[in-house]
Amino acid sequence: MYKQVVIVGIRRSGPIGAGDASDKHMLKQLVEIGKGDKDALASLEEFVDQPYMIPVASNDEPMFRAAIADVEELRQDVTHSPVFSTVEKMMGSTSSHASLSTPLLPFRRTHMATLMAAGALNSAVGIGDNRHLVVGVTKKTIESVIDENDPTKEIRTEVYKTAIRLYSADGRITELE
């Protein structure tokens, strides 16, 4: 029905061809299966008397280390671990390195509002008592509506709303949507 085959095996240490004739026969059979030849794939009933023996693991490398944790050794392991740089690459904000170039045409009001809401123009604005901080935010809201014809049917819609928050020096917070 799905035309899928799962092959379980052990990875070879060397290329096929250096082995005996059964290796070459197996390679030929796998290629035929890959091309869609149904007769090349043996049925599971043919292998009932041939159980698969799981080989003994030959890896001497320990998977777990049981010991009492030494604080100094743990501190060294943590400082030399690449996990922090990996997480920084994956999760680090690239917006702090981004800069806006001079536009070809002057921004219109809607452009400025979009840039502010996206957080690209976060900064302090104004002079003296009129000085305030402008921060753009985007909030995700989920709107839920129950269908009138079918009360068991609920429609949820994710809506992203952008807003601009103004933080005044006197502690007032004004949100513009």
N, C-alpha and C. Protein backbone atom coordinates (compact mmCIF):
# COMPACT_ATOMS: atom_id res chain seq x y z
N MET A 1 0.82 -1.18 0.00
CA MET A 1 0.00 0.00 0.00
C MET A 1 0.87 1.26 0.00
N TYR A 2 1.86 1.33 0.90
CA TYR A 2 2.70 2.52 0.98
C TYR A 2 3.97 2.42 0.14
N LYS A 3 4.29 1.24 -0.31
CA LYS A 3 5.48 1.01 -1.14
C LYS A 3 6.75 1.47 -0.44
N GLN A 4 6.86 1.10 0.82
CA GLN A 4 8.04 1.45 1.59
C GLN A 4 8.69 0.18 2.12
N VAL A 5 10.01 0.22 2.22
CA VAL A 5 10.76 -0.93 2.72
C VAL A 5 11.73 -0.42 3.77
N VAL A 6 11.82 -1.14 4.88
CA VAL A 6 12.79 -0.81 5.91
C VAL A 6 13.81 -1.93 5.93
N ILE A 7 15.08 -1.58 5.77
CA ILE A 7 16.15 -2.58 5.77
C ILE A 7 17.00 -2.34 7.01
N VAL A 8 17.14 -3.38 7.83
CA VAL A 8 17.94 -3.30 9.03
C VAL A 8 19.21 -4.11 8.78
N GLY A 9 20.34 -3.52 9.07
CA GLY A 9 21.59 -4.23 8.83
C GLY A 9 22.72 -3.66 9.65
N ILE A 10 23.88 -4.19 9.45
CA ILE A 10 25.09 -3.73 10.14
C ILE A 10 25.97 -3.06 9.11
N ARG A 11 26.45 -1.88 9.44
CA ARG A 11 27.30 -1.15 8.51
C ARG A 11 28.62 -1.88 8.31
N ARG A 12 29.03 -1.96 7.06
CA ARG A 12 30.26 -2.66 6.72
C ARG A 12 31.47 -1.81 7.05
N SER A 13 32.57 -2.48 7.29
CA SER A 13 33.81 -1.75 7.53
C SER A 13 34.50 -1.38 6.22
N GLY A 14 34.22 -2.11 5.17
CA GLY A 14 34.85 -1.85 3.88
C GLY A 14 33.82 -1.87 2.77
N PRO A 15 34.22 -1.53 1.55
CA PRO A 15 33.27 -1.50 0.44
C PRO A 15 32.87 -2.90 -0.01
N ILE A 16 31.68 -2.99 -0.60
CA ILE A 16 31.24 -4.25 -1.18
C ILE A 16 32.06 -4.50 -2.43
N GLY A 17 32.39 -5.71 -2.66
CA GLY A 17 33.22 -6.05 -3.82
C GLY A 17 34.46 -6.78 -3.38
N ALA A 18 34.93 -6.44 -2.19
CA ALA A 18 36.10 -7.13 -1.66
C ALA A 18 35.69 -8.45 -1.00
N GLY A 19 34.39 -8.60 -0.74
CA GLY A 19 33.91 -9.80 -0.06
C GLY A 19 33.63 -10.93 -1.02
N ASP A 20 32.85 -11.87 -0.56
CA ASP A 20 32.55 -13.04 -1.39
C ASP A 20 31.34 -12.78 -2.30
N ALA A 21 30.89 -13.82 -2.97
CA ALA A 21 29.80 -13.70 -3.95
C ALA A 21 28.48 -13.34 -3.29
N SER A 22 28.28 -13.74 -2.02
CA SER A 22 27.01 -13.42 -1.36
C SER A 22 26.88 -11.90 -1.15
N ASP A 23 28.01 -11.20 -0.94
CA ASP A 23 27.97 -9.75 -0.80
C ASP A 23 27.53 -9.10 -2.11
N LYS A 24 28.07 -9.58 -3.22
CA LYS A 24 27.70 -9.03 -4.52
C LYS A 24 26.24 -9.33 -4.85
N HIS A 25 25.79 -10.53 -4.45
CA HIS A 25 24.39 -10.90 -4.67
C HIS A 25 23.47 -9.99 -3.85
N MET A 26 23.86 -9.71 -2.60
CA MET A 26 23.07 -8.84 -1.74
C MET A 26 23.00 -7.43 -2.32
N LEU A 27 24.11 -6.91 -2.82
CA LEU A 27 24.13 -5.59 -3.44
C LEU A 27 23.19 -5.55 -4.63
N LYS A 28 23.24 -6.57 -5.48
CA LYS A 28 22.38 -6.64 -6.66
C LYS A 28 20.92 -6.67 -6.24
N GLN A 29 20.63 -7.44 -5.20
CA GLN A 29 19.25 -7.56 -4.72
C GLN A 29 18.74 -6.22 -4.17
N LEU A 30 19.58 -5.51 -3.42
CA LEU A 30 19.17 -4.21 -2.88
C LEU A 30 18.93 -3.19 -3.98
N VAL A 31 19.76 -3.21 -5.02
CA VAL A 31 19.57 -2.30 -6.14
C VAL A 31 18.25 -2.61 -6.85
N GLU A 32 17.94 -3.89 -7.03
CA GLU A 32 16.68 -4.27 -7.68
C GLU A 32 15.48 -3.85 -6.85
N ILE A 33 15.59 -3.99 -5.53
CA ILE A 33 14.50 -3.56 -4.65
C ILE A 33 14.30 -2.06 -4.79
N GLY A 34 15.41 -1.33 -4.83
CA GLY A 34 15.33 0.13 -4.97
C GLY A 34 14.70 0.57 -6.27
N LYS A 35 14.84 -0.23 -7.32
CA LYS A 35 14.24 0.09 -8.61
C LYS A 35 12.77 -0.30 -8.68
N GLY A 36 12.27 -0.99 -7.65
CA GLY A 36 10.86 -1.35 -7.61
C GLY A 36 10.54 -2.76 -8.03
N ASP A 37 11.53 -3.64 -8.13
CA ASP A 37 11.29 -5.03 -8.51
C ASP A 37 10.70 -5.77 -7.32
N LYS A 38 9.40 -6.10 -7.38
CA LYS A 38 8.72 -6.75 -6.26
C LYS A 38 9.26 -8.16 -6.00
N ASP A 39 9.69 -8.84 -7.04
CA ASP A 39 10.17 -10.22 -6.88
C ASP A 39 11.53 -10.28 -6.20
N ALA A 40 12.27 -9.19 -6.19
CA ALA A 40 13.60 -9.19 -5.57
C ALA A 40 13.52 -9.19 -4.05
N LEU A 41 12.38 -8.76 -3.52
CA LEU A 41 12.20 -8.68 -2.07
C LEU A 41 11.56 -9.96 -1.57
N ALA A 42 12.26 -10.65 -0.70
CA ALA A 42 11.75 -11.91 -0.16
C ALA A 42 10.65 -11.63 0.86
N SER A 43 9.73 -12.55 0.97
CA SER A 43 8.64 -12.43 1.93
C SER A 43 9.16 -12.77 3.32
N LEU A 44 8.52 -12.23 4.34
CA LEU A 44 8.95 -12.50 5.72
C LEU A 44 8.78 -13.97 6.09
N GLU A 45 7.84 -14.66 5.46
CA GLU A 45 7.64 -16.08 5.77
C GLU A 45 8.87 -16.92 5.45
N GLU A 46 9.69 -16.48 4.52
CA GLU A 46 10.88 -17.24 4.15
C GLU A 46 11.96 -17.19 5.23
N PHE A 47 11.88 -16.24 6.15
CA PHE A 47 12.93 -16.06 7.15
C PHE A 47 12.51 -16.48 8.55
N VAL A 48 11.46 -17.27 8.67
CA VAL A 48 10.97 -17.68 9.99
C VAL A 48 12.01 -18.52 10.72
N ASP A 49 12.74 -19.38 10.03
CA ASP A 49 13.71 -20.25 10.67
C ASP A 49 15.08 -19.60 10.83
N GLN A 50 15.23 -18.36 10.43
CA GLN A 50 16.53 -17.68 10.51
C GLN A 50 16.42 -16.46 11.42
N PRO A 51 16.52 -16.65 12.72
CA PRO A 51 16.42 -15.49 13.62
C PRO A 51 17.64 -14.59 13.48
N TYR A 52 17.44 -13.33 13.67
CA TYR A 52 18.53 -12.37 13.58
C TYR A 52 19.24 -12.31 14.92
N MET A 53 20.53 -12.56 14.91
CA MET A 53 21.32 -12.53 16.13
C MET A 53 21.91 -11.12 16.30
N ILE A 54 21.64 -10.51 17.43
CA ILE A 54 22.17 -9.18 17.70
C ILE A 54 23.62 -9.32 18.11
N PRO A 55 24.55 -8.66 17.42
CA PRO A 55 25.97 -8.80 17.74
C PRO A 55 26.31 -8.12 19.07
N VAL A 56 27.36 -8.61 19.69
CA VAL A 56 27.84 -8.03 20.93
C VAL A 56 28.48 -6.68 20.62
N ALA A 57 28.20 -5.69 21.45
CA ALA A 57 28.76 -4.35 21.23
C ALA A 57 30.26 -4.39 21.43
N SER A 58 30.98 -3.77 20.51
CA SER A 58 32.43 -3.77 20.59
C SER A 58 32.97 -2.40 21.00
N ASN A 59 32.11 -1.46 21.28
CA ASN A 59 32.53 -0.12 21.63
C ASN A 59 32.96 -0.09 23.09
N ASP A 60 34.22 0.20 23.34
CA ASP A 60 34.73 0.25 24.71
C ASP A 60 34.56 1.63 25.34
N GLU A 61 34.09 2.58 24.58
CA GLU A 61 33.93 3.92 25.10
C GLU A 61 32.75 3.96 26.07
N PRO A 62 32.94 4.44 27.29
CA PRO A 62 31.83 4.45 28.24
C PRO A 62 30.79 5.49 27.85
N MET A 63 29.54 5.10 27.96
CA MET A 63 28.45 6.01 27.64
C MET A 63 28.12 6.91 28.83
N PHE A 64 28.28 6.39 30.03
CA PHE A 64 27.99 7.15 31.24
C PHE A 64 29.18 7.06 32.16
N ARG A 65 29.38 8.11 32.93
CA ARG A 65 30.47 8.12 33.88
C ARG A 65 29.87 8.30 35.26
N ALA A 66 30.07 7.33 36.12
CA ALA A 66 29.55 7.40 37.48
C ALA A 66 30.68 7.82 38.41
N ALA A 67 30.51 8.96 39.04
CA ALA A 67 31.53 9.44 39.97
C ALA A 67 30.92 10.54 40.82
N ILE A 68 31.59 10.84 41.90
CA ILE A 68 31.16 11.96 42.73
C ILE A 68 31.65 13.23 42.04
N ALA A 69 30.76 14.19 41.89
CA ALA A 69 31.09 15.41 41.14
C ALA A 69 32.07 16.27 41.92
N ASP A 70 33.17 16.59 41.28
CA ASP A 70 34.16 17.51 41.82
C ASP A 70 33.81 18.90 41.29
N VAL A 71 33.61 19.84 42.19
CA VAL A 71 33.14 21.17 41.79
C VAL A 71 34.12 21.85 40.84
N GLU A 72 35.41 21.74 41.12
CA GLU A 72 36.41 22.38 40.26
C GLU A 72 36.46 21.74 38.87
N GLU A 73 36.36 20.41 38.83
CA GLU A 73 36.35 19.71 37.54
C GLU A 73 35.10 20.08 36.74
N LEU A 74 33.98 20.17 37.44
CA LEU A 74 32.73 20.54 36.79
C LEU A 74 32.82 21.97 36.24
N ARG A 75 33.44 22.87 37.00
CA ARG A 75 33.61 24.25 36.56
C ARG A 75 34.45 24.31 35.28
N GLN A 76 35.51 23.50 35.23
CA GLN A 76 36.36 23.48 34.04
C GLN A 76 35.62 22.89 32.85
N ASP A 77 34.85 21.82 33.10
CA ASP A 77 34.07 21.22 32.02
C ASP A 77 33.08 22.22 31.43
N VAL A 78 32.44 22.98 32.31
CA VAL A 78 31.43 23.94 31.84
C VAL A 78 32.09 25.08 31.06
N THR A 79 33.24 25.57 31.54
CA THR A 79 33.89 26.69 30.84
C THR A 79 34.46 26.27 29.49
N HIS A 80 34.88 25.03 29.35
CA HIS A 80 35.45 24.58 28.07
C HIS A 80 34.41 23.92 27.16
N SER A 81 33.17 23.83 27.63
CA SER A 81 32.13 23.18 26.84
C SER A 81 31.69 24.08 25.68
N PRO A 82 31.47 23.51 24.51
CA PRO A 82 31.02 24.32 23.37
C PRO A 82 29.52 24.60 23.39
N VAL A 83 28.82 24.16 24.44
CA VAL A 83 27.37 24.28 24.44
C VAL A 83 26.93 25.75 24.44
N PHE A 84 27.65 26.63 25.14
CA PHE A 84 27.23 28.02 25.19
C PHE A 84 27.36 28.71 23.84
N SER A 85 28.45 28.46 23.14
CA SER A 85 28.60 29.08 21.82
C SER A 85 27.60 28.50 20.83
N THR A 86 27.29 27.21 20.97
CA THR A 86 26.30 26.59 20.09
C THR A 86 24.92 27.19 20.32
N VAL A 87 24.54 27.35 21.59
CA VAL A 87 23.24 27.94 21.91
C VAL A 87 23.20 29.40 21.45
N GLU A 88 24.30 30.11 21.63
CA GLU A 88 24.34 31.51 21.19
C GLU A 88 24.15 31.63 19.68
N LYS A 89 24.75 30.71 18.93
CA LYS A 89 24.58 30.73 17.47
C LYS A 89 23.14 30.43 17.09
N MET A 90 22.52 29.48 17.82
CA MET A 90 21.15 29.09 17.48
C MET A 90 20.12 30.10 17.95
N MET A 91 20.31 30.64 19.15
CA MET A 91 19.29 31.47 19.76
C MET A 91 19.64 32.96 19.77
N GLY A 92 20.87 33.27 19.43
CA GLY A 92 21.32 34.66 19.51
C GLY A 92 20.51 35.58 18.63
N SER A 93 20.33 36.78 19.10
CA SER A 93 19.56 37.76 18.36
C SER A 93 20.45 38.41 17.30
N THR A 94 20.01 38.34 16.08
CA THR A 94 20.76 39.00 15.01
C THR A 94 20.32 40.44 14.83
N SER A 95 19.18 40.81 15.48
CA SER A 95 18.69 42.17 15.30
C SER A 95 19.60 43.20 15.95
N SER A 96 20.40 42.80 16.95
CA SER A 96 21.31 43.76 17.58
C SER A 96 22.45 44.13 16.64
N HIS A 97 22.73 43.30 15.67
CA HIS A 97 23.79 43.57 14.71
C HIS A 97 23.25 44.25 13.44
N ALA A 98 21.93 44.26 13.29
CA ALA A 98 21.34 44.81 12.07
C ALA A 98 21.27 46.33 12.16
N SER A 99 21.34 46.96 11.03
CA SER A 99 21.21 48.41 10.99
C SER A 99 20.37 48.78 9.77
N LEU A 100 19.65 49.88 9.92
CA LEU A 100 18.82 50.34 8.82
C LEU A 100 19.65 51.23 7.91
N SER A 101 19.58 50.97 6.63
CA SER A 101 20.28 51.83 5.68
C SER A 101 19.35 52.97 5.27
N THR A 102 19.90 53.95 4.63
CA THR A 102 19.11 55.10 4.18
C THR A 102 18.14 54.64 3.09
N PRO A 103 16.84 54.93 3.27
CA PRO A 103 15.87 54.47 2.27
C PRO A 103 15.97 55.29 0.98
N LEU A 104 15.50 54.71 -0.11
CA LEU A 104 15.50 55.41 -1.39
C LEU A 104 14.55 56.60 -1.36
N LEU A 105 13.39 56.41 -0.74
CA LEU A 105 12.40 57.48 -0.59
C LEU A 105 12.15 57.69 0.90
N PRO A 106 11.68 58.87 1.29
CA PRO A 106 11.40 59.09 2.72
C PRO A 106 10.30 58.14 3.21
N PHE A 107 10.42 57.75 4.48
CA PHE A 107 9.40 56.87 5.07
C PHE A 107 8.09 57.63 5.21
N ARG A 108 7.02 56.92 4.99
CA ARG A 108 5.70 57.48 5.25
C ARG A 108 5.30 57.08 6.67
N ARG A 109 4.16 57.58 7.12
CA ARG A 109 3.73 57.29 8.49
C ARG A 109 3.55 55.79 8.72
N THR A 110 2.98 55.10 7.75
CA THR A 110 2.76 53.66 7.94
C THR A 110 4.08 52.91 8.00
N HIS A 111 5.07 53.36 7.22
CA HIS A 111 6.39 52.73 7.29
C HIS A 111 6.99 52.90 8.67
N MET A 112 6.92 54.13 9.20
CA MET A 112 7.47 54.41 10.52
C MET A 112 6.76 53.57 11.58
N ALA A 113 5.44 53.46 11.47
CA ALA A 113 4.69 52.67 12.45
C ALA A 113 5.09 51.20 12.39
N THR A 114 5.27 50.69 11.18
CA THR A 114 5.67 49.29 11.03
C THR A 114 7.07 49.06 11.59
N LEU A 115 7.99 49.97 11.31
CA LEU A 115 9.35 49.83 11.84
C LEU A 115 9.36 49.92 13.36
N MET A 116 8.56 50.83 13.92
CA MET A 116 8.49 50.94 15.37
C MET A 116 7.90 49.69 16.00
N ALA A 117 6.81 49.19 15.41
CA ALA A 117 6.16 48.00 15.96
C ALA A 117 7.06 46.78 15.84
N ALA A 118 7.91 46.74 14.82
CA ALA A 118 8.82 45.61 14.65
C ALA A 118 10.01 45.70 15.59
N GLY A 119 10.16 46.83 16.28
CA GLY A 119 11.26 46.98 17.21
C GLY A 119 12.53 47.49 16.56
N ALA A 120 12.45 47.92 15.31
CA ALA A 120 13.64 48.39 14.60
C ALA A 120 14.02 49.81 15.01
N LEU A 121 13.09 50.56 15.58
CA LEU A 121 13.37 51.94 15.96
C LEU A 121 13.21 52.15 17.47
N ASN A 122 13.49 51.14 18.27
CA ASN A 122 13.41 51.29 19.72
C ASN A 122 14.44 52.31 20.17
N SER A 123 13.99 53.38 20.81
CA SER A 123 14.94 54.36 21.32
C SER A 123 14.22 55.39 22.17
N ALA A 124 15.00 56.24 22.80
CA ALA A 124 14.44 57.35 23.57
C ALA A 124 14.13 58.50 22.62
N VAL A 125 12.97 59.14 22.84
CA VAL A 125 12.50 60.20 21.96
C VAL A 125 12.05 61.38 22.83
N GLY A 126 12.22 62.57 22.34
CA GLY A 126 11.73 63.76 23.04
C GLY A 126 12.80 64.46 23.84
N ILE A 127 12.41 65.62 24.43
CA ILE A 127 13.34 66.45 25.19
C ILE A 127 12.71 66.80 26.53
N GLY A 128 13.50 66.76 27.59
CA GLY A 128 13.05 67.19 28.92
C GLY A 128 11.94 66.33 29.47
N ASP A 129 10.87 67.02 29.96
CA ASP A 129 9.74 66.30 30.55
C ASP A 129 8.97 65.50 29.51
N ASN A 130 9.12 65.85 28.26
CA ASN A 130 8.41 65.16 27.18
C ASN A 130 9.20 63.95 26.66
N ARG A 131 10.31 63.62 27.30
CA ARG A 131 11.14 62.50 26.86
C ARG A 131 10.48 61.18 27.25
N HIS A 132 10.49 60.22 26.33
CA HIS A 132 9.92 58.90 26.61
C HIS A 132 10.65 57.85 25.78
N LEU A 133 10.46 56.61 26.16
CA LEU A 133 11.10 55.48 25.47
C LEU A 133 10.07 54.82 24.57
N VAL A 134 10.42 54.58 23.33
CA VAL A 134 9.54 53.93 22.36
C VAL A 134 10.02 52.51 22.15
N VAL A 135 9.12 51.54 22.36
CA VAL A 135 9.46 50.13 22.19
C VAL A 135 8.36 49.46 21.37
N GLY A 136 8.75 48.80 20.30
CA GLY A 136 7.79 48.07 19.48
C GLY A 136 7.65 46.64 19.97
N VAL A 137 6.42 46.15 20.04
CA VAL A 137 6.16 44.79 20.51
C VAL A 137 5.18 44.11 19.57
N THR A 138 5.29 42.80 19.49
CA THR A 138 4.34 41.99 18.74
C THR A 138 3.78 40.93 19.67
N LYS A 139 2.46 40.87 19.77
CA LYS A 139 1.82 39.91 20.67
C LYS A 139 0.98 38.93 19.86
N LYS A 140 1.03 37.69 20.29
CA LYS A 140 0.23 36.65 19.65
C LYS A 140 -1.02 36.43 20.48
N THR A 141 -2.17 36.52 19.84
CA THR A 141 -3.43 36.22 20.52
C THR A 141 -4.15 35.13 19.74
N ILE A 142 -4.91 34.33 20.46
CA ILE A 142 -5.68 33.26 19.83
C ILE A 142 -7.15 33.59 20.01
N GLU A 143 -7.82 33.79 18.89
CA GLU A 143 -9.25 34.08 18.91
C GLU A 143 -10.00 32.78 18.68
N SER A 144 -10.99 32.53 19.54
CA SER A 144 -11.75 31.28 19.48
C SER A 144 -13.21 31.59 19.19
N VAL A 145 -13.76 30.95 18.16
CA VAL A 145 -15.16 31.14 17.77
C VAL A 145 -15.82 29.78 17.65
N ILE A 146 -16.99 29.62 18.29
CA ILE A 146 -17.75 28.37 18.19
C ILE A 146 -18.77 28.53 17.07
N ASP A 147 -18.80 27.56 16.18
CA ASP A 147 -19.69 27.59 15.02
C ASP A 147 -21.14 27.48 15.50
N GLU A 148 -22.01 28.37 14.98
CA GLU A 148 -23.42 28.36 15.39
C GLU A 148 -24.15 27.12 14.90
N ASN A 149 -23.80 26.63 13.71
CA ASN A 149 -24.47 25.46 13.14
C ASN A 149 -24.01 24.16 13.79
N ASP A 150 -22.76 24.10 14.21
CA ASP A 150 -22.20 22.89 14.81
C ASP A 150 -21.49 23.28 16.10
N PRO A 151 -22.16 23.11 17.26
CA PRO A 151 -21.56 23.56 18.52
C PRO A 151 -20.31 22.78 18.93
N THR A 152 -20.07 21.63 18.29
CA THR A 152 -18.85 20.88 18.61
C THR A 152 -17.65 21.40 17.84
N LYS A 153 -17.90 22.28 16.89
CA LYS A 153 -16.82 22.81 16.05
C LYS A 153 -16.37 24.16 16.60
N GLU A 154 -15.08 24.24 16.90
CA GLU A 154 -14.49 25.47 17.40
C GLU A 154 -13.36 25.89 16.45
N ILE A 155 -13.38 27.12 16.05
CA ILE A 155 -12.37 27.63 15.13
C ILE A 155 -11.45 28.56 15.91
N ARG A 156 -10.17 28.22 15.92
CA ARG A 156 -9.17 29.05 16.61
C ARG A 156 -8.28 29.71 15.56
N THR A 157 -8.10 30.99 15.71
CA THR A 157 -7.29 31.75 14.77
C THR A 157 -6.18 32.46 15.53
N GLU A 158 -4.94 32.25 15.09
CA GLU A 158 -3.81 32.94 15.69
C GLU A 158 -3.66 34.29 15.00
N VAL A 159 -3.64 35.33 15.80
CA VAL A 159 -3.52 36.68 15.27
C VAL A 159 -2.31 37.34 15.94
N TYR A 160 -1.44 37.92 15.14
CA TYR A 160 -0.29 38.64 15.66
C TYR A 160 -0.59 40.12 15.58
N LYS A 161 -0.63 40.78 16.74
CA LYS A 161 -0.93 42.20 16.80
C LYS A 161 0.34 42.95 17.16
N THR A 162 0.62 43.97 16.38
CA THR A 162 1.79 44.79 16.67
C THR A 162 1.33 46.04 17.40
N ALA A 163 2.14 46.47 18.33
CA ALA A 163 1.81 47.65 19.12
C ALA A 163 3.09 48.40 19.44
N ILE A 164 2.92 49.63 19.85
CA ILE A 164 4.05 50.46 20.27
C ILE A 164 3.78 50.89 21.70
N ARG A 165 4.75 50.67 22.57
CA ARG A 165 4.62 51.09 23.96
C ARG A 165 5.50 52.31 24.19
N LEU A 166 4.92 53.29 24.86
CA LEU A 166 5.64 54.51 25.23
C LEU A 166 5.81 54.51 26.74
N TYR A 167 7.04 54.53 27.19
CA TYR A 167 7.35 54.58 28.61
C TYR A 167 7.78 56.02 28.93
N SER A 168 6.98 56.72 29.74
CA SER A 168 7.28 58.10 30.09
C SER A 168 8.17 58.15 31.32
N ALA A 169 8.81 59.30 31.53
CA ALA A 169 9.71 59.47 32.67
C ALA A 169 8.95 59.45 33.99
N ASP A 170 7.66 59.84 33.97
CA ASP A 170 6.88 59.84 35.21
C ASP A 170 6.28 58.48 35.53
N GLY A 171 6.60 57.44 34.73
CA GLY A 171 6.14 56.08 35.02
C GLY A 171 4.92 55.64 34.24
N ARG A 172 4.36 56.52 33.42
CA ARG A 172 3.20 56.14 32.62
C ARG A 172 3.62 55.23 31.47
N ILE A 173 2.78 54.24 31.19
CA ILE A 173 3.00 53.35 30.05
C ILE A 173 1.78 53.48 29.15
N THR A 174 2.01 53.90 27.93
CA THR A 174 0.93 54.05 26.96
C THR A 174 1.17 53.06 25.84
N GLU A 175 0.12 52.30 25.50
CA GLU A 175 0.25 51.32 24.43
C GLU A 175 -0.61 51.76 23.25
N LEU A 176 0.01 51.85 22.09
CA LEU A 176 -0.69 52.24 20.86
C LEU A 176 -0.78 51.02 19.95
N GLU A 177 -2.00 50.70 19.53
CA GLU A 177 -2.18 49.55 18.63
C GLU A 177 -2.57 50.02 17.25
